Amino acid sequence: MDSPGYNCFVDRDKMDAAIQDLGPKELSCTELQELKQLARQGYWAQSHALRGKVYQRLIRDIPCRTVTPDASVYSDIVGKIVGKHSSSSLPLPEFVDNTQVPIYCLNARGEGAVRKILLCIANQFPDISFCPALPAVVALLLHYSIDEAECFEKACRILACNDPSRRLIDQSFLAFESSCMTFGDLVNKYCQAAHKLMVAVSEDVLQVYSDWQRWLFGELPLNYFARVFDVFLVEGYKVLYRVALAILKFFHKVRAGQPLESDNVKQDIRMFVKDIAKTVSPEKLLEKAFAIRLFSRKEIQLLQMANEKALKQKGITVKQKRQFVHLAVHAENFRSEIVSVKEMRDIWSWVPERFALCQPLLLFSSLHHGYSLTRFYFQCEGHEPTLLLIKTTQKELQPEVQRYEWVVIKHPELTKPVPCTSTHSSCSDPADRLSPFLAARHFNLPSKTESMFMAGGNDCLIIGGGGGQALYIDGDLNRGRTGHCDTFNNQPLCSENFLIAAVEAWGFQDPDTQ
C-alpha cells in the first residue's frame, strides 16, 4: 500500500502510529442523512486522503459571509504580520486565552504554521474576542491542507458561517460562557450520577463545567478529536455537547468510589481525557454520545439564549474577555435554619445555571416571620422563581440529598401532540420539546396534567396533583403530607404524614443589585 500523502507539517512516524491509513479512498454519497451515518460510523476515519477530500467538501459548502478571507488573502498578509520573527517564537492572539497549541503529530514547522495562521485570522476577524477552541481546529485542519493558505481559508469559512441555525465555534466570552452554562444544565439532566460526584468533590461545579470545551479541543488525543470533528462538520455544535456528556459518563464510571488523583477535579478530568484510550475507544465514545437522547437543537438554542440573557444582565458583553462566573452561594453571608452552606450549594447546583449565578435571598423563615401561610405569601410576593425548604421534626432530608424531576420530563406522553401547521411538515417527537429548565407555560398540557403543578389558598399549599398530592402543607405550617404514588412518580423523601419544624422560602438575587 502507498504511504499516505502527508504534507510537510506532519511528523510521519507519529502520524502512522496515531492513525492507520487503511480505509477507502473515495466517497460517492451526496445525501445529508447518508453522510451523517457514514461520519458516525467512521467511514473516512482510516483514510488520510479521503478525510482531506471530505473536509474540503464539507467546509466549501458552509454558507459564509459575502466577504470571507481566502487563501490569496493569507498570501498577501502573512509576511507583513509575521515579519522577521521565527514561527516558534510568535505570540498567540489574545482571544485564545493562553490555550496551548495541541501538537497533534505536527512537526516543528507545523506548530509554527499554526501560530502564523492564528495571527492572520486575528488580523482578519477583529470581532473575535474569545475563541480558545481555535488552535485545535487549525492544528487539525493543517493535516488536511496543501499549505498554510488553504488551512487559513478553511478555518475562515468555519468562523464566517452566517447560517443562524448552524452554530459552529464560539467567538466571544459571552457565547463561550453561556455554552458552559448550557452544558451544566445538560449534565444536570442527563448525567445525574456524574453531577452528584462533581458536587461532592468540588466547591463550584460551574467552574468544573467551564472546562468542557478544553476536554474536546485540546485534551482528547488526535484520533479521538478527528472522529469528533468528522461528525461535527456534518451535524454541528450539538455533537460537542453529546461527546462531552459521554466523557463525563465514562469518567464517573471509572472513578466513582475511587479517590481522585489530584485535589483539583478539573485537572483530574483533564488527565482522564488525555489518557482516555486506556478506558474507551473512539468508536465506543461516539456510540455512548449518540445513545443519549438529547434535547432538540431548537430547545438547546432556547436554553443557550436564556443563559446568554442571564450573563448580559450581569454585564457581560460580546467584547468581554474572560471573567470568572461562580456558583453564587458564599459562606460569609449565608444563614439558614434548615440547611448548611454545603447543602445549599448542592441544591443550587441542581437549579438551571442561569439562576445559579444569583445569590440566595431569604424571603421567608417560619422562625422569624411566624407559622402562617398568609405571611408566607406576603413575603414571597413578586419573586419568581423561588425555592421552598421544609425541615420535618424527624429531619428526614438528612444526611442524603436527592433530586427528583417533574413527571412530564420522564413521561412526555402526558403532553398533547402539537398539530402540524403544514402538510409538508411532520410532527416532532413530544420529548424533543421538553426541558426541565422551561416554565409550565412552555408546555402544551392537557387539563389533567396542568393540575399537577401548584395551587394555594389561605388554608393550604399544594404542589403536584392529578391523582393525589405530591406535597400538602396546612395553613398553619404545622403539618404536611406527601403521597407515595404522587410525588411526581418518585418515592417520597419522608413519611406520608409529617410534622413541620421549619419552613424557608428563598429567592434568586443578582449579586450586582445588592
Protein backbone atom coordinates (compact mmCIF):
# COMPACT_ATOMS: atom_id res chain seq x y z
CA MET A 1 0.00 0.00 0.00
CA ASP A 2 1.27 3.51 -0.86
CA SER A 3 2.22 5.71 2.06
CA PRO A 4 -0.38 8.36 2.91
CA GLY A 5 0.08 11.76 1.32
CA TYR A 6 1.06 13.63 4.47
CA ASN A 7 2.12 17.23 3.96
CA CYS A 8 5.30 18.89 5.16
CA PHE A 9 3.77 19.88 8.51
CA VAL A 10 3.23 16.35 9.81
CA ASP A 11 5.60 14.07 11.72
CA ARG A 12 5.09 10.96 9.61
CA ASP A 13 6.26 8.46 12.21
CA LYS A 14 3.95 9.83 14.91
CA MET A 15 1.06 10.03 12.46
CA ASP A 16 1.46 6.42 11.35
CA ALA A 17 1.33 5.34 14.99
CA ALA A 18 -1.71 7.51 15.76
CA ILE A 19 -3.98 6.77 12.78
CA GLN A 20 -3.58 3.78 10.46
CA ASP A 21 -4.27 4.63 6.82
CA LEU A 22 -6.28 1.60 5.73
CA GLY A 23 -9.64 2.96 4.65
CA PRO A 24 -11.45 3.69 1.37
CA LYS A 25 -10.21 6.39 -0.97
CA GLU A 26 -13.49 7.69 -2.44
CA LEU A 27 -16.89 8.87 -1.17
CA SER A 28 -19.83 8.90 -3.55
CA CYS A 29 -22.83 9.76 -1.36
CA THR A 30 -24.45 13.21 -1.58
CA GLU A 31 -27.44 12.93 0.76
CA LEU A 32 -27.00 14.57 4.18
CA GLN A 33 -28.63 11.70 6.08
CA GLU A 34 -26.32 9.13 4.49
CA LEU A 35 -23.34 11.39 5.09
CA LYS A 36 -24.33 11.68 8.75
CA GLN A 37 -24.39 7.91 9.15
CA LEU A 38 -21.03 7.49 7.41
CA ALA A 39 -19.48 10.16 9.64
CA ARG A 40 -20.76 8.45 12.77
CA GLN A 41 -19.52 5.08 11.53
CA GLY A 42 -16.06 6.49 10.77
CA TYR A 43 -16.19 5.71 7.05
CA TRP A 44 -13.34 8.09 6.17
CA ALA A 45 -11.60 7.93 9.54
CA GLN A 46 -8.99 5.42 8.36
CA SER A 47 -8.06 7.21 5.14
CA HIS A 48 -5.96 10.35 5.35
CA ALA A 49 -6.61 11.23 1.71
CA LEU A 50 -10.37 10.67 1.87
CA ARG A 51 -10.75 12.63 5.12
CA GLY A 52 -8.97 15.54 3.43
CA LYS A 53 -11.38 15.38 0.47
CA VAL A 54 -14.43 15.21 2.77
CA TYR A 55 -13.23 18.16 4.86
CA GLN A 56 -12.67 20.17 1.69
CA ARG A 57 -16.19 19.42 0.51
CA LEU A 58 -17.97 19.99 3.81
CA ILE A 59 -16.18 23.26 4.56
CA ARG A 60 -16.67 24.51 0.99
CA ASP A 61 -20.44 24.03 1.44
CA ILE A 62 -20.63 26.12 4.65
CA PRO A 63 -22.74 29.24 3.93
CA CYS A 64 -20.45 32.21 4.65
CA ARG A 65 -20.44 35.98 4.70
CA THR A 66 -20.06 37.59 1.28
CA VAL A 67 -16.53 38.75 2.05
CA THR A 68 -14.68 35.84 3.64
CA PRO A 69 -10.87 35.80 3.61
CA ASP A 70 -9.46 33.16 1.29
CA ALA A 71 -6.05 31.66 0.54
CA SER A 72 -4.97 34.66 -1.54
CA VAL A 73 -5.59 36.98 1.40
CA TYR A 74 -3.29 34.87 3.55
CA SER A 75 -0.53 35.06 0.95
CA ASP A 76 -0.88 38.86 0.91
CA ILE A 77 -0.80 39.49 4.66
CA VAL A 78 1.30 36.74 6.27
CA GLY A 79 4.65 38.39 5.53
CA LYS A 80 3.57 41.73 6.98
CA ILE A 81 2.13 40.17 10.14
CA VAL A 82 4.88 37.67 10.88
CA GLY A 83 7.75 39.88 9.79
CA LYS A 84 11.19 38.55 10.64
CA HIS A 85 10.05 36.58 13.70
CA SER A 86 10.70 32.86 13.74
CA SER A 87 7.47 30.87 13.69
CA SER A 88 8.19 29.15 17.01
CA SER A 89 8.56 32.48 18.85
CA LEU A 90 5.37 34.06 17.53
CA PRO A 91 2.90 35.08 20.23
CA LEU A 92 -0.60 33.66 20.15
CA PRO A 93 -3.59 36.01 19.72
CA GLU A 94 -5.18 37.19 22.94
CA PHE A 95 -8.50 35.55 22.07
CA VAL A 96 -7.10 32.03 22.53
CA ASP A 97 -6.91 32.79 26.28
CA ASN A 98 -3.45 31.26 26.82
CA THR A 99 -4.56 27.99 25.25
CA GLN A 100 -1.60 25.89 24.15
CA VAL A 101 -1.42 24.70 20.54
CA PRO A 102 -2.09 20.93 20.52
CA ILE A 103 0.78 19.05 18.92
CA TYR A 104 -1.46 16.52 17.09
CA CYS A 105 1.57 14.82 15.46
CA LEU A 106 2.74 18.08 13.87
CA ASN A 107 6.43 18.71 13.43
CA ALA A 108 8.14 21.96 14.41
CA ARG A 109 7.25 23.55 11.07
CA GLY A 110 3.63 22.60 11.57
CA GLU A 111 3.49 24.08 15.08
CA GLY A 112 4.92 27.34 13.76
CA ALA A 113 2.42 27.34 10.88
CA VAL A 114 -0.49 27.12 13.34
CA ARG A 115 0.78 30.24 15.12
CA LYS A 116 1.12 32.13 11.83
CA ILE A 117 -2.40 31.15 10.74
CA LEU A 118 -3.90 32.17 14.10
CA LEU A 119 -2.26 35.61 13.92
CA CYS A 120 -3.56 36.13 10.38
CA ILE A 121 -7.06 35.10 11.49
CA ALA A 122 -6.86 37.64 14.33
CA ASN A 123 -5.98 40.28 11.74
CA GLN A 124 -8.96 39.43 9.53
CA PHE A 125 -11.50 38.83 12.32
CA PRO A 126 -11.11 41.73 14.77
CA ASP A 127 -14.55 40.96 16.28
CA ILE A 128 -13.33 37.63 17.71
CA SER A 129 -12.74 38.34 21.40
CA PHE A 130 -12.61 34.84 22.89
CA CYS A 131 -12.02 31.59 21.00
CA PRO A 132 -9.90 29.03 22.91
CA ALA A 133 -11.07 26.20 20.62
CA LEU A 134 -9.45 27.66 17.52
CA PRO A 135 -5.83 26.39 17.98
CA ALA A 136 -7.06 22.78 18.00
CA VAL A 137 -9.23 23.34 14.92
CA VAL A 138 -6.38 24.95 12.97
CA ALA A 139 -3.91 22.26 14.05
CA LEU A 140 -6.25 19.53 12.82
CA LEU A 141 -7.11 21.27 9.54
CA LEU A 142 -3.41 21.76 8.81
CA HIS A 143 -3.08 17.98 8.47
CA TYR A 144 -5.56 18.01 5.60
CA SER A 145 -4.43 21.14 3.74
CA ILE A 146 -1.95 21.55 0.91
CA ASP A 147 -0.36 24.55 2.55
CA GLU A 148 -0.86 27.22 5.21
CA ALA A 149 -3.01 29.39 2.93
CA GLU A 150 -5.52 26.57 2.32
CA CYS A 151 -5.72 25.82 6.05
CA PHE A 152 -6.31 29.53 6.72
CA GLU A 153 -9.16 29.60 4.20
CA LYS A 154 -10.83 26.54 5.74
CA ALA A 155 -10.66 27.99 9.25
CA CYS A 156 -12.01 31.32 7.99
CA ARG A 157 -15.02 29.64 6.37
CA ILE A 158 -15.87 27.92 9.64
CA LEU A 159 -15.61 31.23 11.51
CA ALA A 160 -17.56 33.17 8.88
CA CYS A 161 -20.58 30.84 8.79
CA ASN A 162 -23.67 33.04 8.52
CA ASP A 163 -26.39 30.41 8.82
CA PRO A 164 -28.28 31.45 12.01
CA SER A 165 -29.41 27.88 12.58
CA ARG A 166 -25.90 26.44 12.31
CA ARG A 167 -23.66 27.28 15.24
CA LEU A 168 -20.05 26.16 14.90
CA ILE A 169 -17.37 27.78 17.09
CA ASP A 170 -17.87 30.24 19.97
CA GLN A 171 -16.11 33.52 19.21
CA SER A 172 -16.89 35.61 22.31
CA PHE A 173 -16.71 35.04 26.04
CA LEU A 174 -20.48 35.59 26.22
CA ALA A 175 -21.11 32.73 23.78
CA PHE A 176 -18.45 30.56 25.41
CA GLU A 177 -19.69 31.03 28.96
CA SER A 178 -23.35 30.55 28.01
CA SER A 179 -22.38 27.28 26.31
CA CYS A 180 -20.65 26.23 29.56
CA MET A 181 -23.83 27.02 31.49
CA THR A 182 -25.89 25.12 28.94
CA PHE A 183 -23.56 22.16 29.27
CA GLY A 184 -24.01 22.30 33.04
CA ASP A 185 -27.78 22.25 32.56
CA LEU A 186 -27.47 19.22 30.29
CA VAL A 187 -25.23 17.41 32.79
CA ASN A 188 -27.85 18.12 35.45
CA LYS A 189 -30.43 16.41 33.24
CA TYR A 190 -28.53 13.56 31.55
CA CYS A 191 -25.61 12.73 33.87
CA GLN A 192 -27.13 12.94 37.32
CA ALA A 193 -24.77 10.41 38.90
CA ALA A 194 -21.72 12.21 37.50
CA HIS A 195 -23.18 15.56 38.54
CA LYS A 196 -23.63 14.29 42.08
CA LEU A 197 -19.94 13.31 42.12
CA MET A 198 -18.92 16.76 40.83
CA VAL A 199 -20.97 18.45 43.56
CA ALA A 200 -19.38 16.25 46.21
CA VAL A 201 -15.76 16.87 45.21
CA SER A 202 -15.79 20.48 44.00
CA GLU A 203 -16.56 23.82 45.59
CA ASP A 204 -18.05 25.21 42.39
CA VAL A 205 -19.48 22.95 39.69
CA LEU A 206 -19.77 25.88 37.28
CA GLN A 207 -16.00 26.09 37.22
CA VAL A 208 -15.73 22.35 36.52
CA TYR A 209 -18.16 22.55 33.61
CA SER A 210 -16.46 25.66 32.22
CA ASP A 211 -13.67 23.28 31.18
CA TRP A 212 -15.84 21.13 28.91
CA GLN A 213 -14.59 22.56 25.61
CA ARG A 214 -10.99 22.02 26.67
CA TRP A 215 -11.73 18.30 27.05
CA LEU A 216 -12.57 18.21 23.34
CA PHE A 217 -10.34 20.95 21.88
CA GLY A 218 -7.03 20.16 23.47
CA GLU A 219 -7.05 17.14 25.78
CA LEU A 220 -8.55 14.47 23.50
CA PRO A 221 -5.89 12.56 21.54
CA LEU A 222 -5.71 13.28 17.81
CA ASN A 223 -7.51 10.16 16.61
CA TYR A 224 -10.40 10.84 19.02
CA PHE A 225 -10.66 14.55 18.22
CA ALA A 226 -10.57 13.86 14.48
CA ARG A 227 -13.50 11.45 14.82
CA VAL A 228 -15.46 14.06 16.78
CA PHE A 229 -14.60 16.72 14.20
CA ASP A 230 -15.75 14.43 11.37
CA VAL A 231 -19.25 14.33 12.83
CA PHE A 232 -19.16 17.96 13.98
CA LEU A 233 -18.68 19.22 10.43
CA VAL A 234 -21.77 17.29 9.34
CA GLU A 235 -24.08 17.75 12.33
CA GLY A 236 -22.89 20.90 14.09
CA TYR A 237 -22.42 22.11 17.66
CA LYS A 238 -24.83 19.67 19.32
CA VAL A 239 -22.30 16.88 18.69
CA LEU A 240 -19.85 18.60 21.03
CA TYR A 241 -22.36 18.51 23.89
CA ARG A 242 -23.01 14.83 23.24
CA VAL A 243 -19.35 13.83 23.31
CA ALA A 244 -18.59 15.90 26.41
CA LEU A 245 -21.54 14.29 28.22
CA ALA A 246 -20.26 10.86 27.19
CA ILE A 247 -16.78 11.71 28.51
CA LEU A 248 -18.28 12.69 31.85
CA LYS A 249 -20.28 9.46 31.99
CA PHE A 250 -17.14 7.39 31.40
CA PHE A 251 -15.20 9.45 33.94
CA HIS A 252 -17.85 8.75 36.56
CA LYS A 253 -17.99 5.06 35.67
CA VAL A 254 -14.23 4.68 36.08
CA ARG A 255 -13.65 6.99 39.04
CA ALA A 256 -16.80 6.54 41.14
CA GLY A 257 -15.80 5.16 44.52
CA GLN A 258 -12.11 5.83 43.88
CA PRO A 259 -10.06 8.68 45.34
CA LEU A 260 -9.35 11.42 42.83
CA GLU A 261 -5.78 11.57 41.55
CA SER A 262 -5.46 15.23 42.47
CA ASP A 263 -7.18 17.70 44.77
CA ASN A 264 -8.46 19.51 41.69
CA VAL A 265 -11.28 17.70 39.91
CA LYS A 266 -10.81 19.85 36.79
CA GLN A 267 -7.25 18.62 36.50
CA ASP A 268 -8.35 15.07 37.20
CA ILE A 269 -10.85 15.12 34.33
CA ARG A 270 -8.22 16.61 32.01
CA MET A 271 -5.83 13.78 32.82
CA PHE A 272 -8.61 11.24 32.29
CA VAL A 273 -9.42 12.68 28.84
CA LYS A 274 -5.77 12.82 27.84
CA ASP A 275 -5.44 9.13 28.68
CA ILE A 276 -8.92 8.16 27.51
CA ALA A 277 -7.51 5.39 25.30
CA LYS A 278 -6.99 3.37 28.48
CA THR A 279 -10.75 3.42 29.06
CA VAL A 280 -12.68 3.54 25.78
CA SER A 281 -12.12 3.50 22.03
CA PRO A 282 -13.20 6.38 19.74
CA GLU A 283 -15.99 4.16 18.42
CA LYS A 284 -17.35 3.41 21.89
CA LEU A 285 -17.12 7.06 22.89
CA LEU A 286 -19.24 8.13 19.93
CA GLU A 287 -21.59 5.21 20.48
CA LYS A 288 -22.20 6.40 24.04
CA ALA A 289 -22.59 10.00 22.86
CA PHE A 290 -25.29 9.19 20.34
CA ALA A 291 -27.11 6.88 22.74
CA ILE A 292 -28.02 9.98 24.79
CA ARG A 293 -31.48 11.18 23.79
CA LEU A 294 -30.57 14.84 23.88
CA PHE A 295 -32.92 17.81 23.63
CA SER A 296 -33.80 19.07 20.17
CA ARG A 297 -31.48 21.58 18.53
CA LYS A 298 -34.16 24.27 18.84
CA GLU A 299 -34.60 23.69 22.54
CA ILE A 300 -30.87 23.82 23.16
CA GLN A 301 -30.81 27.13 21.29
CA LEU A 302 -33.56 28.45 23.57
CA LEU A 303 -31.61 27.33 26.62
CA GLN A 304 -28.46 28.96 25.23
CA MET A 305 -30.37 32.21 24.66
CA ALA A 306 -31.74 32.17 28.20
CA ASN A 307 -28.24 31.68 29.60
CA GLU A 308 -26.84 34.47 27.42
CA LYS A 309 -29.58 36.77 28.68
CA ALA A 310 -28.67 35.96 32.29
CA LEU A 311 -25.00 36.74 31.58
CA LYS A 312 -25.87 40.01 29.84
CA GLN A 313 -27.83 41.00 32.92
CA LYS A 314 -24.59 40.55 34.86
CA GLY A 315 -22.89 42.99 32.49
CA ILE A 316 -21.03 40.50 30.28
CA THR A 317 -20.91 41.59 26.63
CA VAL A 318 -19.66 40.12 23.36
CA LYS A 319 -16.46 42.16 23.83
CA GLN A 320 -15.88 40.81 27.33
CA LYS A 321 -12.63 38.98 27.98
CA ARG A 322 -12.53 36.04 30.38
CA GLN A 323 -14.35 36.62 33.64
CA PHE A 324 -14.88 34.04 36.35
CA VAL A 325 -18.54 33.20 36.84
CA HIS A 326 -19.09 31.39 40.12
CA LEU A 327 -21.80 29.39 41.82
CA ALA A 328 -23.25 32.15 43.98
CA VAL A 329 -23.54 30.62 47.47
CA HIS A 330 -21.00 32.22 49.78
CA ALA A 331 -20.36 31.07 53.33
CA GLU A 332 -19.80 34.53 54.77
CA ASN A 333 -23.32 35.83 54.10
CA PHE A 334 -25.45 32.68 54.10
CA ARG A 335 -27.65 31.81 57.10
CA SER A 336 -30.31 29.12 57.20
CA GLU A 337 -32.06 27.23 59.98
CA ILE A 338 -32.60 24.23 57.68
CA VAL A 339 -29.53 23.59 55.50
CA SER A 340 -25.78 24.16 55.74
CA VAL A 341 -23.75 26.10 53.18
CA LYS A 342 -22.60 22.81 51.61
CA GLU A 343 -26.18 21.50 51.38
CA MET A 344 -27.37 24.77 49.83
CA ARG A 345 -24.56 24.56 47.28
CA ASP A 346 -25.74 21.04 46.43
CA ILE A 347 -29.27 22.34 45.92
CA TRP A 348 -28.01 25.39 43.99
CA SER A 349 -26.13 23.07 41.64
CA TRP A 350 -29.44 21.48 40.64
CA VAL A 351 -31.19 24.65 39.55
CA PRO A 352 -30.73 25.94 35.97
CA GLU A 353 -27.33 27.58 35.72
CA ARG A 354 -28.73 31.00 34.78
CA PHE A 355 -30.37 31.06 38.24
CA ALA A 356 -27.33 29.56 39.96
CA LEU A 357 -25.48 32.77 39.07
CA CYS A 358 -27.74 34.58 41.55
CA GLN A 359 -27.26 34.82 45.29
CA PRO A 360 -29.79 33.00 47.50
CA LEU A 361 -32.07 35.59 49.10
CA LEU A 362 -34.06 34.57 52.18
CA LEU A 363 -37.65 35.69 51.62
CA PHE A 364 -39.46 33.85 54.38
CA SER A 365 -38.49 31.96 57.53
CA SER A 366 -41.12 30.47 59.80
CA LEU A 367 -38.80 31.03 62.76
CA HIS A 368 -38.62 34.77 62.00
CA HIS A 369 -41.91 35.55 60.27
CA GLY A 370 -44.18 33.12 62.08
CA TYR A 371 -46.01 29.93 61.14
CA SER A 372 -48.55 31.47 58.78
CA LEU A 373 -49.21 30.64 55.14
CA THR A 374 -50.68 34.12 54.64
CA ARG A 375 -47.44 35.67 55.81
CA PHE A 376 -45.55 33.22 53.57
CA TYR A 377 -47.44 34.50 50.52
CA PHE A 378 -46.85 38.13 51.52
CA GLN A 379 -43.10 37.68 51.88
CA CYS A 380 -42.79 35.83 48.54
CA GLU A 381 -44.95 38.25 46.56
CA GLY A 382 -43.24 39.40 43.36
CA HIS A 383 -40.41 36.86 43.48
CA GLU A 384 -40.16 34.22 40.76
CA PRO A 385 -38.80 31.58 40.80
CA THR A 386 -38.49 30.58 44.45
CA LEU A 387 -37.00 27.68 46.37
CA LEU A 388 -39.03 26.07 49.18
CA LEU A 389 -37.22 24.29 52.03
CA ILE A 390 -39.04 22.23 54.68
CA LYS A 391 -37.50 20.74 57.78
CA THR A 392 -39.54 17.99 59.40
CA THR A 393 -39.35 17.19 63.07
CA GLN A 394 -37.62 13.93 62.10
CA LYS A 395 -35.02 15.71 59.89
CA GLU A 396 -35.79 13.26 57.09
CA LEU A 397 -33.82 15.05 54.38
CA GLN A 398 -30.54 14.38 56.14
CA PRO A 399 -27.93 13.14 55.53
CA GLU A 400 -28.84 12.07 51.98
CA VAL A 401 -29.93 14.71 49.48
CA GLN A 402 -31.80 13.61 46.37
CA ARG A 403 -33.14 15.38 43.29
CA TYR A 404 -36.46 14.43 41.67
CA GLU A 405 -37.71 15.58 38.28
CA TRP A 406 -41.14 16.68 37.23
CA VAL A 407 -43.11 13.67 35.99
CA VAL A 408 -43.71 15.09 32.49
CA ILE A 409 -39.97 15.22 31.84
CA LYS A 410 -39.81 11.47 32.40
CA HIS A 411 -43.17 10.76 30.70
CA PRO A 412 -43.52 13.04 27.67
CA GLU A 413 -46.59 11.09 26.54
CA LEU A 414 -48.54 13.20 29.04
CA THR A 415 -48.21 16.18 26.71
CA LYS A 416 -50.55 16.83 23.82
CA PRO A 417 -49.07 16.36 20.36
CA VAL A 418 -48.62 19.72 18.65
CA PRO A 419 -50.66 19.77 15.42
CA CYS A 420 -48.70 20.11 12.21
CA THR A 421 -49.09 23.52 10.55
CA SER A 422 -48.23 22.31 7.07
CA THR A 423 -48.99 19.24 5.03
CA HIS A 424 -45.31 19.15 4.11
CA SER A 425 -44.01 19.04 7.69
CA SER A 426 -44.03 16.20 10.19
CA CYS A 427 -44.73 16.47 13.91
CA SER A 428 -41.70 16.15 16.12
CA ASP A 429 -41.46 13.74 19.00
CA PRO A 430 -43.05 15.39 22.10
CA ALA A 431 -39.90 14.56 24.04
CA ASP A 432 -37.97 16.90 21.76
CA ARG A 433 -39.95 19.84 23.17
CA LEU A 434 -39.37 19.10 26.85
CA SER A 435 -36.91 20.71 29.19
CA PRO A 436 -36.70 20.79 32.98
CA PHE A 437 -35.40 24.35 32.59
CA LEU A 438 -38.53 25.84 31.00
CA ALA A 439 -41.66 27.03 32.80
CA ALA A 440 -45.04 25.32 32.73
CA ARG A 441 -46.35 27.78 30.16
CA HIS A 442 -43.86 26.40 27.61
CA PHE A 443 -45.65 23.03 27.60
CA ASN A 444 -48.83 22.20 25.72
CA LEU A 445 -50.51 20.24 28.50
CA PRO A 446 -53.94 18.62 28.81
CA SER A 447 -56.05 19.89 31.71
CA LYS A 448 -55.31 16.88 33.92
CA THR A 449 -51.56 17.36 33.55
CA GLU A 450 -51.88 21.11 34.14
CA SER A 451 -53.33 20.31 37.55
CA MET A 452 -50.06 18.64 38.51
CA PHE A 453 -48.30 21.92 39.22
CA MET A 454 -49.23 24.14 42.18
CA ALA A 455 -52.29 25.50 43.95
CA GLY A 456 -52.62 27.52 47.13
CA GLY A 457 -55.04 29.36 49.40
CA ASN A 458 -55.08 30.62 52.97
CA ASP A 459 -55.83 27.13 54.30
CA CYS A 460 -53.23 25.07 52.40
CA LEU A 461 -50.47 24.93 49.78
CA ILE A 462 -50.41 22.02 47.31
CA ILE A 463 -47.61 21.11 44.92
CA GLY A 464 -48.33 18.39 42.39
CA GLY A 465 -51.70 16.87 41.82
CA GLY A 466 -53.64 14.83 39.32
CA GLY A 467 -54.46 11.63 41.19
CA GLY A 468 -53.14 12.92 44.51
CA GLN A 469 -50.82 15.45 46.10
CA ALA A 470 -47.06 15.34 45.89
CA LEU A 471 -46.83 17.82 48.76
CA TYR A 472 -49.51 19.31 51.03
CA ILE A 473 -48.87 21.92 53.73
CA ASP A 474 -51.60 23.24 56.02
CA GLY A 475 -52.30 26.93 56.60
CA ASP A 476 -50.54 26.97 59.97
CA LEU A 477 -47.34 25.50 58.51
CA ASN A 478 -47.63 22.80 61.11
CA ARG A 479 -48.50 19.59 59.28
CA GLY A 480 -47.68 18.20 55.89
CA ARG A 481 -48.49 15.22 53.76
CA THR A 482 -46.97 13.51 50.73
CA GLY A 483 -48.37 10.64 48.65
CA HIS A 484 -46.11 7.68 47.92
CA CYS A 485 -47.50 7.37 44.39
CA ASP A 486 -48.00 11.07 43.77
CA THR A 487 -44.54 12.55 44.36
CA PHE A 488 -44.07 13.25 40.63
CA ASN A 489 -43.88 9.47 40.21
CA ASN A 490 -40.90 9.32 42.62
CA GLN A 491 -40.55 7.82 46.05
CA PRO A 492 -41.08 10.49 48.74
CA LEU A 493 -38.21 11.60 50.94
CA CYS A 494 -40.15 11.35 54.18
CA SER A 495 -43.09 9.59 55.82
CA GLU A 496 -46.54 10.16 54.31
CA ASN A 497 -47.69 12.42 57.16
CA PHE A 498 -45.14 14.62 58.85
CA LEU A 499 -44.83 17.47 61.33
CA ILE A 500 -43.05 20.63 60.23
CA ALA A 501 -40.21 22.06 62.29
CA ALA A 502 -39.32 24.96 59.97
CA VAL A 503 -40.12 26.39 56.54
CA GLU A 504 -37.99 28.72 54.44
CA ALA A 505 -38.54 30.31 51.03
CA TRP A 506 -35.57 31.57 49.07
CA GLY A 507 -35.42 33.84 46.05
CA PHE A 508 -32.68 34.45 43.50
CA GLN A 509 -30.90 37.80 43.77
CA ASP A 510 -28.49 39.15 41.19
CA PRO A 511 -25.30 39.86 43.19
CA ASP A 512 -24.79 43.07 41.18
CA THR A 513 -28.06 44.53 42.52
CA GLN A 514 -27.31 44.08 46.20
